[in-house]
Amino acid sequence: VFDVAWRGTSARTPEADSPVGAGAGLGLAIVRGIAQAHSG
């Protein structure tokens, strides 16, 4: 889940016309990096 560019199965992939956008699969990788930078 926290790997770079991981998006998961189609069940967790948002629709193409979503106003939020699918993203590049970087958000959770950034979360892990920030947590580890805080010794968490």
PDB file of all heavy atoms in Angstrom:
ATOM      1  N   VAL A   1       0.821  -1.216   0.000  1.00  0.00           N
ATOM      2  CA  VAL A   1       0.000   0.000   0.000  1.00  0.00           C
ATOM      3  C   VAL A   1       0.849   1.257   0.000  1.00  0.00           C
ATOM      4  O   VAL A   1       0.519   2.246  -0.674  1.00  0.00           O
ATOM      5  CB  VAL A   1      -0.955  -0.024   1.209  1.00  0.00           C
ATOM      6  CG1 VAL A   1      -1.596   1.341   1.408  1.00  0.00           C
ATOM      7  CG2 VAL A   1      -2.024  -1.080   1.018  1.00  0.00           C
ATOM      8  N   PHE A   2       1.971   1.240   0.742  1.00  0.00           N
ATOM      9  CA  PHE A   2       2.787   2.448   0.872  1.00  0.00           C
ATOM     10  C   PHE A   2       3.936   2.491  -0.128  1.00  0.00           C
ATOM     11  O   PHE A   2       4.810   3.355  -0.004  1.00  0.00           O
ATOM     12  CB  PHE A   2       3.334   2.544   2.295  1.00  0.00           C
ATOM     13  CG  PHE A   2       2.250   2.622   3.344  1.00  0.00           C
ATOM     14  CD1 PHE A   2       1.906   1.505   4.086  1.00  0.00           C
ATOM     15  CD2 PHE A   2       1.556   3.799   3.557  1.00  0.00           C
ATOM     16  CE1 PHE A   2       0.912   1.566   5.041  1.00  0.00           C
ATOM     17  CE2 PHE A   2       0.550   3.873   4.498  1.00  0.00           C
ATOM     18  CZ  PHE A   2       0.224   2.751   5.246  1.00  0.00           C
ATOM     19  N   ASP A   3       3.935   1.596  -1.114  1.00  0.00           N
ATOM     20  CA  ASP A   3       4.961   1.640  -2.148  1.00  0.00           C
ATOM     21  C   ASP A   3       4.689   2.789  -3.111  1.00  0.00           C
ATOM     22  O   ASP A   3       3.522   3.171  -3.339  1.00  0.00           O
ATOM     23  CB  ASP A   3       5.006   0.328  -2.932  1.00  0.00           C
ATOM     24  CG  ASP A   3       5.535  -0.825  -2.099  1.00  0.00           C
ATOM     25  OD1 ASP A   3       6.080  -0.557  -1.012  1.00  0.00           O
ATOM     26  OD2 ASP A   3       5.394  -1.987  -2.521  1.00  0.00           O
ATOM     27  N   VAL A   4       5.752   3.323  -3.681  1.00  0.00           N
ATOM     28  CA  VAL A   4       5.605   4.406  -4.654  1.00  0.00           C
ATOM     29  C   VAL A   4       4.845   3.907  -5.877  1.00  0.00           C
ATOM     30  O   VAL A   4       5.112   2.828  -6.399  1.00  0.00           O
ATOM     31  CB  VAL A   4       6.988   4.934  -5.075  1.00  0.00           C
ATOM     32  CG1 VAL A   4       6.850   5.971  -6.182  1.00  0.00           C
ATOM     33  CG2 VAL A   4       7.707   5.535  -3.879  1.00  0.00           C
ATOM     34  N   ALA A   5       3.864   4.689  -6.326  1.00  0.00           N
ATOM     35  CA  ALA A   5       3.069   4.439  -7.529  1.00  0.00           C
ATOM     36  C   ALA A   5       2.089   3.299  -7.363  1.00  0.00           C
ATOM     37  O   ALA A   5       1.465   2.886  -8.337  1.00  0.00           O
ATOM     38  CB  ALA A   5       3.967   4.181  -8.746  1.00  0.00           C
ATOM     39  N   TRP A   6       1.892   2.781  -6.141  1.00  0.00           N
ATOM     40  CA  TRP A   6       0.893   1.730  -5.959  1.00  0.00           C
ATOM     41  C   TRP A   6      -0.496   2.336  -5.915  1.00  0.00           C
ATOM     42  O   TRP A   6      -0.732   3.334  -5.246  1.00  0.00           O
ATOM     43  CB  TRP A   6       1.144   0.967  -4.669  1.00  0.00           C
ATOM     44  CG  TRP A   6       0.202  -0.191  -4.486  1.00  0.00           C
ATOM     45  CD1 TRP A   6       0.345  -1.458  -4.946  1.00  0.00           C
ATOM     46  CD2 TRP A   6      -1.060  -0.166  -3.797  1.00  0.00           C
ATOM     47  NE1 TRP A   6      -0.735  -2.233  -4.589  1.00  0.00           N
ATOM     48  CE2 TRP A   6      -1.616  -1.464  -3.878  1.00  0.00           C
ATOM     49  CE3 TRP A   6      -1.773   0.819  -3.126  1.00  0.00           C
ATOM     50  CZ2 TRP A   6      -2.838  -1.800  -3.323  1.00  0.00           C
ATOM     51  CZ3 TRP A   6      -3.006   0.495  -2.569  1.00  0.00           C
ATOM     52  CH2 TRP A   6      -3.511  -0.809  -2.660  1.00  0.00           C
ATOM     53  N   ARG A   7      -1.430   1.729  -6.633  1.00  0.00           N
ATOM     54  CA  ARG A   7      -2.800   2.223  -6.655  1.00  0.00           C
ATOM     55  C   ARG A   7      -3.809   1.164  -6.247  1.00  0.00           C
ATOM     56  O   ARG A   7      -4.943   1.475  -5.977  1.00  0.00           O
ATOM     57  CB  ARG A   7      -3.162   2.726  -8.058  1.00  0.00           C
ATOM     58  CG  ARG A   7      -2.417   3.985  -8.437  1.00  0.00           C
ATOM     59  CD  ARG A   7      -2.794   4.403  -9.814  1.00  0.00           C
ATOM     60  NE  ARG A   7      -2.180   5.659 -10.183  1.00  0.00           N
ATOM     61  CZ  ARG A   7      -2.242   6.159 -11.402  1.00  0.00           C
ATOM     62  NH1 ARG A   7      -2.877   5.521 -12.349  1.00  0.00           N
ATOM     63  NH2 ARG A   7      -1.653   7.309 -11.677  1.00  0.00           N
ATOM     64  N   GLY A   8      -3.409  -0.075  -6.252  1.00  0.00           N
ATOM     65  CA  GLY A   8      -4.319  -1.129  -5.837  1.00  0.00           C
ATOM     66  C   GLY A   8      -5.173  -1.634  -6.970  1.00  0.00           C
ATOM     67  O   GLY A   8      -4.942  -1.357  -8.156  1.00  0.00           O
ATOM     68  N   THR A   9      -6.177  -2.402  -6.598  1.00  0.00           N
ATOM     69  CA  THR A   9      -7.054  -3.007  -7.582  1.00  0.00           C
ATOM     70  C   THR A   9      -8.053  -1.988  -8.109  1.00  0.00           C
ATOM     71  O   THR A   9      -8.163  -0.878  -7.612  1.00  0.00           O
ATOM     72  CB  THR A   9      -7.814  -4.177  -6.944  1.00  0.00           C
ATOM     73  OG1 THR A   9      -8.608  -3.662  -5.865  1.00  0.00           O
ATOM     74  CG2 THR A   9      -6.832  -5.203  -6.387  1.00  0.00           C
ATOM     75  N   SER A  10      -8.795  -2.409  -9.101  1.00  0.00           N
ATOM     76  CA  SER A  10      -9.785  -1.511  -9.691  1.00  0.00           C
ATOM     77  C   SER A  10     -10.857  -1.103  -8.695  1.00  0.00           C
ATOM     78  O   SER A  10     -11.492  -0.070  -8.832  1.00  0.00           O
ATOM     79  CB  SER A  10     -10.438  -2.198 -10.902  1.00  0.00           C
ATOM     80  OG  SER A  10     -11.039  -3.432 -10.495  1.00  0.00           O
ATOM     81  N   ALA A  11     -11.047  -1.939  -7.635  1.00  0.00           N
ATOM     82  CA  ALA A  11     -12.052  -1.597  -6.626  1.00  0.00           C
ATOM     83  C   ALA A  11     -11.674  -0.334  -5.869  1.00  0.00           C
ATOM     84  O   ALA A  11     -12.529   0.378  -5.359  1.00  0.00           O
ATOM     85  CB  ALA A  11     -12.219  -2.753  -5.642  1.00  0.00           C
ATOM     86  N   ARG A  12     -10.360  -0.031  -5.783  1.00  0.00           N
ATOM     87  CA  ARG A  12      -9.917   1.152  -5.057  1.00  0.00           C
ATOM     88  C   ARG A  12      -9.464   2.260  -6.003  1.00  0.00           C
ATOM     89  O   ARG A  12      -8.937   3.257  -5.567  1.00  0.00           O
ATOM     90  CB  ARG A  12      -8.772   0.795  -4.106  1.00  0.00           C
ATOM     91  CG  ARG A  12      -9.221   0.048  -2.891  1.00  0.00           C
ATOM     92  CD  ARG A  12      -8.068  -0.163  -1.937  1.00  0.00           C
ATOM     93  NE  ARG A  12      -7.441   1.109  -1.561  1.00  0.00           N
ATOM     94  CZ  ARG A  12      -7.844   1.877  -0.565  1.00  0.00           C
ATOM     95  NH1 ARG A  12      -8.895   1.541   0.148  1.00  0.00           N
ATOM     96  NH2 ARG A  12      -7.192   2.988  -0.273  1.00  0.00           N
ATOM     97  N   THR A  13      -9.622   2.069  -7.304  1.00  0.00           N
ATOM     98  CA  THR A  13      -9.222   3.093  -8.263  1.00  0.00           C
ATOM     99  C   THR A  13     -10.421   3.968  -8.587  1.00  0.00           C
ATOM    100  O   THR A  13     -11.457   3.470  -9.023  1.00  0.00           O
ATOM    101  CB  THR A  13      -8.696   2.457  -9.555  1.00  0.00           C
ATOM    102  OG1 THR A  13      -7.607   1.618  -9.212  1.00  0.00           O
ATOM    103  CG2 THR A  13      -8.245   3.508 -10.536  1.00  0.00           C
ATOM    104  N   PRO A  14     -10.365   5.253  -8.378  1.00  0.00           N
ATOM    105  CA  PRO A  14     -11.513   6.117  -8.620  1.00  0.00           C
ATOM    106  C   PRO A  14     -11.837   6.221 -10.091  1.00  0.00           C
ATOM    107  O   PRO A  14     -11.021   5.934 -10.954  1.00  0.00           O
ATOM    108  CB  PRO A  14     -11.066   7.475  -8.048  1.00  0.00           C
ATOM    109  CG  PRO A  14      -9.585   7.434  -8.119  1.00  0.00           C
ATOM    110  CD  PRO A  14      -9.191   5.997  -7.917  1.00  0.00           C
ATOM    111  N   GLU A  15     -13.039   6.631 -10.354  1.00  0.00           N
ATOM    112  CA  GLU A  15     -13.477   6.762 -11.740  1.00  0.00           C
ATOM    113  C   GLU A  15     -12.686   7.834 -12.461  1.00  0.00           C
ATOM    114  O   GLU A  15     -12.154   8.745 -11.869  1.00  0.00           O
ATOM    115  CB  GLU A  15     -14.974   7.082 -11.786  1.00  0.00           C
ATOM    116  CG  GLU A  15     -15.363   8.379 -11.097  1.00  0.00           C
ATOM    117  CD  GLU A  15     -15.603   8.199  -9.611  1.00  0.00           C
ATOM    118  OE1 GLU A  15     -15.217   7.161  -9.082  1.00  0.00           O
ATOM    119  OE2 GLU A  15     -16.181   9.120  -8.994  1.00  0.00           O
ATOM    120  N   ALA A  16     -12.630   7.694 -13.779  1.00  0.00           N
ATOM    121  CA  ALA A  16     -11.787   8.591 -14.581  1.00  0.00           C
ATOM    122  C   ALA A  16     -12.266  10.029 -14.529  1.00  0.00           C
ATOM    123  O   ALA A  16     -11.476  10.955 -14.626  1.00  0.00           O
ATOM    124  CB  ALA A  16     -11.742   8.095 -16.025  1.00  0.00           C
ATOM    125  N   ASP A  17     -13.581  10.232 -14.392  1.00  0.00           N
ATOM    126  CA  ASP A  17     -14.094  11.606 -14.401  1.00  0.00           C
ATOM    127  C   ASP A  17     -14.244  12.179 -12.996  1.00  0.00           C
ATOM    128  O   ASP A  17     -14.934  13.156 -12.783  1.00  0.00           O
ATOM    129  CB  ASP A  17     -15.456  11.653 -15.108  1.00  0.00           C
ATOM    130  CG  ASP A  17     -16.481  10.752 -14.425  1.00  0.00           C
ATOM    131  OD1 ASP A  17     -16.069   9.944 -13.554  1.00  0.00           O
ATOM    132  OD2 ASP A  17     -17.677  10.858 -14.761  1.00  0.00           O
ATOM    133  N   SER A  18     -13.577  11.543 -12.044  1.00  0.00           N
ATOM    134  CA  SER A  18     -13.668  12.033 -10.671  1.00  0.00           C
ATOM    135  C   SER A  18     -13.069  13.425 -10.575  1.00  0.00           C
ATOM    136  O   SER A  18     -11.999  13.697 -11.103  1.00  0.00           O
ATOM    137  CB  SER A  18     -12.922  11.088  -9.710  1.00  0.00           C
ATOM    138  OG  SER A  18     -12.807  11.692  -8.453  1.00  0.00           O
ATOM    139  N   PRO A  19     -13.743  14.353  -9.892  1.00  0.00           N
ATOM    140  CA  PRO A  19     -13.182  15.694  -9.730  1.00  0.00           C
ATOM    141  C   PRO A  19     -11.918  15.688  -8.892  1.00  0.00           C
ATOM    142  O   PRO A  19     -11.147  16.627  -8.919  1.00  0.00           O
ATOM    143  CB  PRO A  19     -14.300  16.467  -9.026  1.00  0.00           C
ATOM    144  CG  PRO A  19     -15.131  15.438  -8.344  1.00  0.00           C
ATOM    145  CD  PRO A  19     -15.059  14.230  -9.215  1.00  0.00           C
ATOM    146  N   VAL A  20     -11.737  14.635  -8.099  1.00  0.00           N
ATOM    147  CA  VAL A  20     -10.547  14.580  -7.276  1.00  0.00           C
ATOM    148  C   VAL A  20      -9.343  14.162  -8.087  1.00  0.00           C
ATOM    149  O   VAL A  20      -8.230  14.578  -7.845  1.00  0.00           O
ATOM    150  CB  VAL A  20     -10.777  13.590  -6.101  1.00  0.00           C
ATOM    151  CG1 VAL A  20      -9.562  13.544  -5.199  1.00  0.00           C
ATOM    152  CG2 VAL A  20     -12.013  13.976  -5.318  1.00  0.00           C
ATOM    153  N   GLY A  21      -9.552  13.317  -9.081  1.00  0.00           N
ATOM    154  CA  GLY A  21      -8.441  12.826  -9.880  1.00  0.00           C
ATOM    155  C   GLY A  21      -7.842  11.588  -9.259  1.00  0.00           C
ATOM    156  O   GLY A  21      -7.895  11.355  -8.062  1.00  0.00           O
ATOM    157  N   ALA A  22      -7.248  10.740 -10.082  1.00  0.00           N
ATOM    158  CA  ALA A  22      -6.713   9.474  -9.598  1.00  0.00           C
ATOM    159  C   ALA A  22      -5.387   9.638  -8.891  1.00  0.00           C
ATOM    160  O   ALA A  22      -4.992   8.808  -8.106  1.00  0.00           O
ATOM    161  CB  ALA A  22      -6.551   8.515 -10.785  1.00  0.00           C
ATOM    162  N   GLY A  23      -4.666  10.717  -9.168  1.00  0.00           N
ATOM    163  CA  GLY A  23      -3.361  10.886  -8.551  1.00  0.00           C
ATOM    164  C   GLY A  23      -2.336   9.981  -9.186  1.00  0.00           C
ATOM    165  O   GLY A  23      -2.617   9.198 -10.083  1.00  0.00           O
ATOM    166  N   ALA A  24      -1.110  10.094  -8.695  1.00  0.00           N
ATOM    167  CA  ALA A  24      -0.017   9.302  -9.255  1.00  0.00           C
ATOM    168  C   ALA A  24       0.433   8.203  -8.311  1.00  0.00           C
ATOM    169  O   ALA A  24       1.477   7.610  -8.500  1.00  0.00           O
ATOM    170  CB  ALA A  24       1.167  10.219  -9.587  1.00  0.00           C
ATOM    171  N   GLY A  25      -0.355   7.913  -7.286  1.00  0.00           N
ATOM    172  CA  GLY A  25       0.032   6.875  -6.357  1.00  0.00           C
ATOM    173  C   GLY A  25       1.179   7.271  -5.450  1.00  0.00           C
ATOM    174  O   GLY A  25       1.947   6.409  -5.022  1.00  0.00           O
ATOM    175  N   LEU A  26       1.316   8.569  -5.137  1.00  0.00           N
ATOM    176  CA  LEU A  26       2.432   9.047  -4.328  1.00  0.00           C
ATOM    177  C   LEU A  26       2.006   9.437  -2.919  1.00  0.00           C
ATOM    178  O   LEU A  26       2.858   9.566  -2.038  1.00  0.00           O
ATOM    179  CB  LEU A  26       3.085  10.259  -5.002  1.00  0.00           C
ATOM    180  CG  LEU A  26       3.526  10.091  -6.455  1.00  0.00           C
ATOM    181  CD1 LEU A  26       4.141  11.384  -6.960  1.00  0.00           C
ATOM    182  CD2 LEU A  26       4.503   8.947  -6.596  1.00  0.00           C
ATOM    183  N   GLY A  27       0.714   9.650  -2.701  1.00  0.00           N
ATOM    184  CA  GLY A  27       0.253  10.192  -1.432  1.00  0.00           C
ATOM    185  C   GLY A  27       0.605   9.328  -0.238  1.00  0.00           C
ATOM    186  O   GLY A  27       1.108   9.829   0.774  1.00  0.00           O
ATOM    187  N   LEU A  28       0.370   8.018  -0.315  1.00  0.00           N
ATOM    188  CA  LEU A  28       0.647   7.144   0.819  1.00  0.00           C
ATOM    189  C   LEU A  28       2.137   6.948   1.016  1.00  0.00           C
ATOM    190  O   LEU A  28       2.599   6.786   2.155  1.00  0.00           O
ATOM    191  CB  LEU A  28      -0.056   5.796   0.614  1.00  0.00           C
ATOM    192  CG  LEU A  28      -1.588   5.858   0.603  1.00  0.00           C
ATOM    193  CD1 LEU A  28      -2.177   4.467   0.403  1.00  0.00           C
ATOM    194  CD2 LEU A  28      -2.119   6.477   1.889  1.00  0.00           C
ATOM    195  N   ALA A  29       2.910   6.953  -0.067  1.00  0.00           N
ATOM    196  CA  ALA A  29       4.365   6.879   0.064  1.00  0.00           C
ATOM    197  C   ALA A  29       4.894   8.108   0.794  1.00  0.00           C
ATOM    198  O   ALA A  29       5.825   8.021   1.603  1.00  0.00           O
ATOM    199  CB  ALA A  29       5.022   6.742  -1.306  1.00  0.00           C
ATOM    200  N   ILE A  30       4.304   9.262   0.532  1.00  0.00           N
ATOM    201  CA  ILE A  30       4.695  10.493   1.223  1.00  0.00           C
ATOM    202  C   ILE A  30       4.325  10.406   2.703  1.00  0.00           C
ATOM    203  O   ILE A  30       5.099  10.834   3.571  1.00  0.00           O
ATOM    204  CB  ILE A  30       4.028  11.707   0.555  1.00  0.00           C
ATOM    205  CG1 ILE A  30       4.632  11.935  -0.833  1.00  0.00           C
ATOM    206  CG2 ILE A  30       4.182  12.954   1.415  1.00  0.00           C
ATOM    207  CD1 ILE A  30       3.948  13.020  -1.630  1.00  0.00           C
ATOM    208  N   VAL A  31       3.169   9.830   3.008  1.00  0.00           N
ATOM    209  CA  VAL A  31       2.758   9.665   4.406  1.00  0.00           C
ATOM    210  C   VAL A  31       3.788   8.832   5.164  1.00  0.00           C
ATOM    211  O   VAL A  31       4.193   9.181   6.277  1.00  0.00           O
ATOM    212  CB  VAL A  31       1.368   9.009   4.482  1.00  0.00           C
ATOM    213  CG1 VAL A  31       1.025   8.655   5.931  1.00  0.00           C
ATOM    214  CG2 VAL A  31       0.307   9.939   3.920  1.00  0.00           C
ATOM    215  N   ARG A  32       4.220   7.726   4.565  1.00  0.00           N
ATOM    216  CA  ARG A  32       5.206   6.877   5.234  1.00  0.00           C
ATOM    217  C   ARG A  32       6.523   7.623   5.436  1.00  0.00           C
ATOM    218  O   ARG A  32       7.136   7.535   6.502  1.00  0.00           O
ATOM    219  CB  ARG A  32       5.446   5.600   4.432  1.00  0.00           C
ATOM    220  CG  ARG A  32       6.460   4.661   5.081  1.00  0.00           C
ATOM    221  CD  ARG A  32       6.600   3.364   4.320  1.00  0.00           C
ATOM    222  NE  ARG A  32       7.064   3.586   2.961  1.00  0.00           N
ATOM    223  CZ  ARG A  32       7.289   2.606   2.095  1.00  0.00           C
ATOM    224  NH1 ARG A  32       7.073   1.349   2.446  1.00  0.00           N
ATOM    225  NH2 ARG A  32       7.714   2.872   0.869  1.00  0.00           N
ATOM    226  N   GLY A  33       6.942   8.373   4.425  1.00  0.00           N
ATOM    227  CA  GLY A  33       8.184   9.123   4.552  1.00  0.00           C
ATOM    228  C   GLY A  33       8.128  10.167   5.650  1.00  0.00           C
ATOM    229  O   GLY A  33       9.074  10.333   6.423  1.00  0.00           O
ATOM    230  N   ILE A  34       6.991  10.882   5.745  1.00  0.00           N
ATOM    231  CA  ILE A  34       6.848  11.900   6.782  1.00  0.00           C
ATOM    232  C   ILE A  34       6.801  11.251   8.159  1.00  0.00           C
ATOM    233  O   ILE A  34       7.404  11.751   9.122  1.00  0.00           O
ATOM    234  CB  ILE A  34       5.589  12.744   6.522  1.00  0.00           C
ATOM    235  CG1 ILE A  34       5.765  13.580   5.240  1.00  0.00           C
ATOM    236  CG2 ILE A  34       5.287  13.659   7.705  1.00  0.00           C
ATOM    237  CD1 ILE A  34       4.527  14.360   4.839  1.00  0.00           C
ATOM    238  N   ALA A  35       6.088  10.135   8.275  1.00  0.00           N
ATOM    239  CA  ALA A  35       6.013   9.439   9.562  1.00  0.00           C
ATOM    240  C   ALA A  35       7.393   8.974  10.020  1.00  0.00           C
ATOM    241  O   ALA A  35       7.772   9.144  11.181  1.00  0.00           O
ATOM    242  CB  ALA A  35       5.054   8.254   9.464  1.00  0.00           C
ATOM    243  N   GLN A  36       8.151   8.390   9.113  1.00  0.00           N
ATOM    244  CA  GLN A  36       9.482   7.916   9.465  1.00  0.00           C
ATOM    245  C   GLN A  36      10.419   9.074   9.791  1.00  0.00           C
ATOM    246  O   GLN A  36      11.309   8.942  10.638  1.00  0.00           O
ATOM    247  CB  GLN A  36      10.043   7.061   8.335  1.00  0.00           C
ATOM    248  CG  GLN A  36       9.303   5.742   8.151  1.00  0.00           C
ATOM    249  CD  GLN A  36       9.789   4.942   6.952  1.00  0.00           C
ATOM    250  OE1 GLN A  36      10.542   5.453   6.116  1.00  0.00           O
ATOM    251  NE2 GLN A  36       9.367   3.698   6.860  1.00  0.00           N
ATOM    252  N   ALA A  37      10.239  10.215   9.119  1.00  0.00           N
ATOM    253  CA  ALA A  37      11.065  11.381   9.424  1.00  0.00           C
ATOM    254  C   ALA A  37      10.810  11.891  10.844  1.00  0.00           C
ATOM    255  O   ALA A  37      11.681  12.517  11.444  1.00  0.00           O
ATOM    256  CB  ALA A  37      10.803  12.502   8.415  1.00  0.00           C
ATOM    257  N   HIS A  38       9.618  11.601  11.387  1.00  0.00           N
ATOM    258  CA  HIS A  38       9.292  11.978  12.762  1.00  0.00           C
ATOM    259  C   HIS A  38       9.522  10.823  13.728  1.00  0.00           C
ATOM    260  O   HIS A  38       9.004  10.840  14.850  1.00  0.00           O
ATOM    261  CB  HIS A  38       7.825  12.432  12.855  1.00  0.00           C
ATOM    262  CG  HIS A  38       7.560  13.786  12.280  1.00  0.00           C
ATOM    263  ND1 HIS A  38       7.395  14.002  10.920  1.00  0.00           N
ATOM    264  CD2 HIS A  38       7.452  15.011  12.876  1.00  0.00           C
ATOM    265  CE1 HIS A  38       7.170  15.291  10.720  1.00  0.00           C
ATOM    266  NE2 HIS A  38       7.202  15.926  11.869  1.00  0.00           N
ATOM    267  N   SER A  39      10.295   9.815  13.306  1.00  0.00           N
ATOM    268  CA  SER A  39      10.559   8.617  14.123  1.00  0.00           C
ATOM    269  C   SER A  39       9.272   7.877  14.450  1.00  0.00           C
ATOM    270  O   SER A  39       9.154   7.237  15.504  1.00  0.00           O
ATOM    271  CB  SER A  39      11.286   8.990  15.423  1.00  0.00           C
ATOM    272  OG  SER A  39      12.521   9.605  15.140  1.00  0.00           O
ATOM    273  N   GLY A  40       8.311   7.958  13.543  1.00  0.00           N
ATOM    274  CA  GLY A  40       7.037   7.278  13.725  1.00  0.00           C
ATOM    275  C   GLY A  40       6.833   6.190  12.700  1.00  0.00           C
ATOM    276  O   GLY A  40       7.774   5.695  12.075  1.00  0.00           O
TER     277      GLY A  40
END
